[in-house]
């Protein structure tokens, strides 16, 4: 059987390439998480922007206290 002898420089090159692969995998996972977070926040903001005009009259009706009109406000 013939085994290829690996030189010291080849060992260093292999370790550097495997470290670079691990760093790029970590960076792509981080980038994916950021995109998912941004998408989630965008969906929430879009839902609030869409539902806001329908919900504000309801909230205004229930959250604002009743203030009866006075003679100054009627005139």
N, C-alpha and C. Protein backbone atom coordinates (compact mmCIF):
# COMPACT_ATOMS: atom_id res chain seq x y z
N UNK A 1 0.85 -1.18 0.00
CA UNK A 1 0.00 0.00 0.00
C UNK A 1 0.89 1.24 0.00
N UNK A 2 0.41 2.21 -0.73
CA UNK A 2 1.18 3.44 -0.82
C UNK A 2 0.39 4.57 -0.17
N UNK A 3 0.96 5.19 0.84
CA UNK A 3 0.32 6.32 1.50
C UNK A 3 1.03 7.59 1.09
N UNK A 4 0.23 8.60 0.78
CA UNK A 4 0.81 9.88 0.41
C UNK A 4 1.19 10.62 1.69
N UNK A 5 2.40 11.06 1.72
CA UNK A 5 2.83 11.81 2.90
C UNK A 5 2.36 13.26 2.76
N UNK A 6 1.75 13.78 3.83
CA UNK A 6 1.24 15.15 3.83
C UNK A 6 2.28 16.04 4.48
N UNK A 7 2.64 17.07 3.78
CA UNK A 7 3.64 17.98 4.31
C UNK A 7 3.03 18.92 5.34
N UNK A 8 3.88 19.58 6.07
CA UNK A 8 3.45 20.52 7.10
C UNK A 8 2.63 21.66 6.49
N UNK A 9 3.06 22.15 5.32
CA UNK A 9 2.37 23.26 4.65
C UNK A 9 0.98 22.82 4.21
N UNK A 10 0.85 21.60 3.73
CA UNK A 10 -0.46 21.10 3.32
C UNK A 10 -1.39 20.97 4.51
N UNK A 11 -0.86 20.55 5.66
CA UNK A 11 -1.68 20.47 6.88
C UNK A 11 -2.19 21.85 7.28
N UNK A 12 -1.32 22.85 7.21
CA UNK A 12 -1.73 24.22 7.56
C UNK A 12 -2.79 24.71 6.59
N UNK A 13 -2.60 24.45 5.29
CA UNK A 13 -3.57 24.89 4.29
C UNK A 13 -4.94 24.24 4.52
N UNK A 14 -4.93 22.94 4.88
CA UNK A 14 -6.20 22.26 5.13
C UNK A 14 -6.89 22.82 6.37
N UNK A 15 -6.14 23.12 7.41
CA UNK A 15 -6.75 23.66 8.62
C UNK A 15 -7.30 25.06 8.39
N UNK A 16 -6.58 25.86 7.60
CA UNK A 16 -7.06 27.21 7.29
C UNK A 16 -8.34 27.14 6.46
N UNK A 17 -8.39 26.24 5.48
CA UNK A 17 -9.58 26.15 4.64
C UNK A 17 -10.77 25.64 5.44
N UNK A 18 -10.55 24.70 6.39
CA UNK A 18 -11.67 24.23 7.20
C UNK A 18 -12.15 25.32 8.16
N UNK A 19 -11.23 26.13 8.70
CA UNK A 19 -11.65 27.25 9.55
C UNK A 19 -12.43 28.29 8.76
N UNK A 20 -12.01 28.56 7.53
CA UNK A 20 -12.73 29.52 6.69
C UNK A 20 -14.12 29.02 6.37
N UNK A 21 -14.25 27.70 6.14
CA UNK A 21 -15.57 27.13 5.87
C UNK A 21 -16.47 27.27 7.08
N UNK A 22 -15.93 27.00 8.28
CA UNK A 22 -16.72 27.14 9.50
C UNK A 22 -17.15 28.58 9.71
N UNK A 23 -16.24 29.53 9.45
CA UNK A 23 -16.59 30.95 9.61
C UNK A 23 -17.64 31.38 8.61
N UNK A 24 -17.55 30.90 7.37
CA UNK A 24 -18.55 31.29 6.37
C UNK A 24 -19.90 30.66 6.69
N UNK A 25 -19.90 29.42 7.24
CA UNK A 25 -21.16 28.80 7.65
C UNK A 25 -21.80 29.59 8.79
N UNK A 26 -20.99 30.01 9.75
CA UNK A 26 -21.51 30.79 10.87
C UNK A 26 -22.05 32.13 10.38
N UNK A 27 -21.35 32.74 9.44
CA UNK A 27 -21.81 34.03 8.91
C UNK A 27 -23.12 33.86 8.14
N UNK A 28 -23.25 32.78 7.39
CA UNK A 28 -24.49 32.59 6.64
C UNK A 28 -25.65 32.28 7.58
N UNK A 29 -25.39 31.55 8.68
CA UNK A 29 -26.45 31.31 9.66
C UNK A 29 -26.87 32.61 10.33
N UNK A 30 -25.90 33.44 10.65
CA UNK A 30 -26.21 34.73 11.29
C UNK A 30 -27.01 35.61 10.33
N UNK A 31 -26.61 35.63 9.07
CA UNK A 31 -27.31 36.42 8.06
C UNK A 31 -28.75 35.91 7.90
N UNK A 32 -28.92 34.60 7.90
CA UNK A 32 -30.26 34.01 7.77
C UNK A 32 -31.14 34.40 8.95
N UNK A 33 -30.56 34.37 10.17
CA UNK A 33 -31.32 34.77 11.35
C UNK A 33 -31.72 36.23 11.29
N UNK A 34 -30.82 37.08 10.80
CA UNK A 34 -31.14 38.50 10.68
C UNK A 34 -32.28 38.71 9.69
N UNK A 35 -32.24 37.99 8.55
CA UNK A 35 -33.32 38.13 7.56
C UNK A 35 -34.65 37.62 8.13
N UNK A 36 -34.62 36.52 8.86
CA UNK A 36 -35.85 36.02 9.47
C UNK A 36 -36.41 37.00 10.50
N UNK A 37 -35.52 37.58 11.30
CA UNK A 37 -35.96 38.58 12.27
C UNK A 37 -36.54 39.81 11.61
N UNK A 38 -35.88 40.26 10.54
CA UNK A 38 -36.38 41.44 9.82
C UNK A 38 -37.72 41.13 9.17
N UNK A 39 -37.88 39.93 8.64
CA UNK A 39 -39.16 39.54 8.05
C UNK A 39 -40.27 39.49 9.08
N UNK A 40 -39.95 38.97 10.26
CA UNK A 40 -40.95 38.90 11.34
C UNK A 40 -41.37 40.30 11.76
N UNK A 41 -40.40 41.17 11.97
CA UNK A 41 -40.70 42.55 12.38
C UNK A 41 -41.49 43.26 11.28
N UNK A 42 -41.13 43.01 10.02
CA UNK A 42 -41.87 43.61 8.90
C UNK A 42 -43.32 43.15 8.85
N UNK A 43 -43.53 41.86 9.11
CA UNK A 43 -44.92 41.35 9.13
C UNK A 43 -45.73 41.98 10.26
N UNK A 44 -45.12 42.11 11.41
CA UNK A 44 -45.82 42.72 12.54
C UNK A 44 -46.13 44.19 12.24
N UNK A 45 -45.16 44.91 11.72
CA UNK A 45 -45.38 46.33 11.39
C UNK A 45 -46.43 46.47 10.30
N UNK A 46 -46.40 45.61 9.31
CA UNK A 46 -47.41 45.65 8.25
C UNK A 46 -48.81 45.35 8.78
N UNK A 47 -48.90 44.40 9.69
CA UNK A 47 -50.20 44.06 10.28
C UNK A 47 -50.75 45.23 11.09
N UNK A 48 -49.87 45.88 11.83
CA UNK A 48 -50.32 47.04 12.62
C UNK A 48 -50.74 48.18 11.70
N UNK A 49 -49.96 48.40 10.63
CA UNK A 49 -50.30 49.48 9.70
C UNK A 49 -51.62 49.20 8.98
N UNK A 50 -51.87 47.93 8.68
CA UNK A 50 -53.12 47.58 7.99
C UNK A 50 -54.32 47.66 8.94
N UNK A 51 -54.16 47.14 10.16
CA UNK A 51 -55.28 47.06 11.10
C UNK A 51 -55.49 48.36 11.87
N UNK A 52 -54.52 49.25 11.86
CA UNK A 52 -54.61 50.48 12.64
C UNK A 52 -55.85 51.31 12.37
N UNK A 53 -56.16 51.60 11.11
CA UNK A 53 -57.36 52.41 10.84
C UNK A 53 -58.66 51.76 11.30
N UNK A 54 -58.68 50.43 11.39
CA UNK A 54 -59.89 49.75 11.84
C UNK A 54 -59.97 49.67 13.36
N UNK A 55 -58.82 49.67 14.02
CA UNK A 55 -58.81 49.52 15.48
C UNK A 55 -58.86 50.83 16.24
N UNK A 56 -58.39 51.92 15.65
CA UNK A 56 -58.36 53.18 16.40
C UNK A 56 -59.75 53.67 16.79
N UNK A 57 -60.79 53.57 15.94
CA UNK A 57 -62.11 54.00 16.43
C UNK A 57 -62.61 53.17 17.61
N UNK A 58 -62.32 51.89 17.59
CA UNK A 58 -62.74 51.03 18.70
C UNK A 58 -62.01 51.43 19.97
N UNK A 59 -60.71 51.64 19.87
CA UNK A 59 -59.95 52.03 21.04
C UNK A 59 -60.36 53.42 21.53
N UNK A 60 -60.63 54.31 20.60
CA UNK A 60 -61.05 55.66 20.99
C UNK A 60 -62.38 55.60 21.73
N UNK A 61 -63.28 54.73 21.28
CA UNK A 61 -64.59 54.63 21.91
C UNK A 61 -64.48 54.08 23.33
N UNK A 62 -63.59 53.12 23.55
CA UNK A 62 -63.51 52.47 24.86
C UNK A 62 -62.47 53.08 25.79
N UNK A 63 -61.47 53.74 25.24
CA UNK A 63 -60.39 54.24 26.09
C UNK A 63 -60.58 55.68 26.52
N UNK A 64 -61.26 56.50 25.72
CA UNK A 64 -61.45 57.89 26.08
C UNK A 64 -62.62 58.03 27.04
N UNK A 65 -62.47 58.84 28.06
CA UNK A 65 -63.59 59.02 29.00
C UNK A 65 -64.70 59.87 28.37
N UNK A 66 -65.89 59.67 28.86
CA UNK A 66 -67.01 60.47 28.39
C UNK A 66 -66.97 61.85 29.05
N UNK A 67 -66.94 62.88 28.21
CA UNK A 67 -66.96 64.25 28.71
C UNK A 67 -68.22 64.91 28.18
N UNK A 68 -69.15 65.21 29.06
CA UNK A 68 -70.38 65.85 28.59
C UNK A 68 -70.11 67.27 28.10
N UNK A 69 -70.89 67.69 27.14
CA UNK A 69 -70.73 69.04 26.60
C UNK A 69 -71.21 70.08 27.61
N UNK A 70 -70.47 71.18 27.64
CA UNK A 70 -70.88 72.30 28.50
C UNK A 70 -71.50 73.37 27.60
N UNK A 71 -72.02 74.39 28.23
CA UNK A 71 -72.61 75.48 27.43
C UNK A 71 -71.58 76.17 26.57
N UNK A 72 -70.35 76.30 27.03
CA UNK A 72 -69.30 76.94 26.24
C UNK A 72 -68.96 76.13 25.00
N UNK A 73 -68.95 74.82 25.09
CA UNK A 73 -68.61 74.01 23.92
C UNK A 73 -69.76 73.92 22.94
N UNK A 74 -70.99 74.06 23.41
CA UNK A 74 -72.15 73.99 22.50
C UNK A 74 -72.25 75.29 21.70
N UNK A 75 -71.96 76.43 22.32
CA UNK A 75 -72.07 77.73 21.62
C UNK A 75 -70.98 77.89 20.68
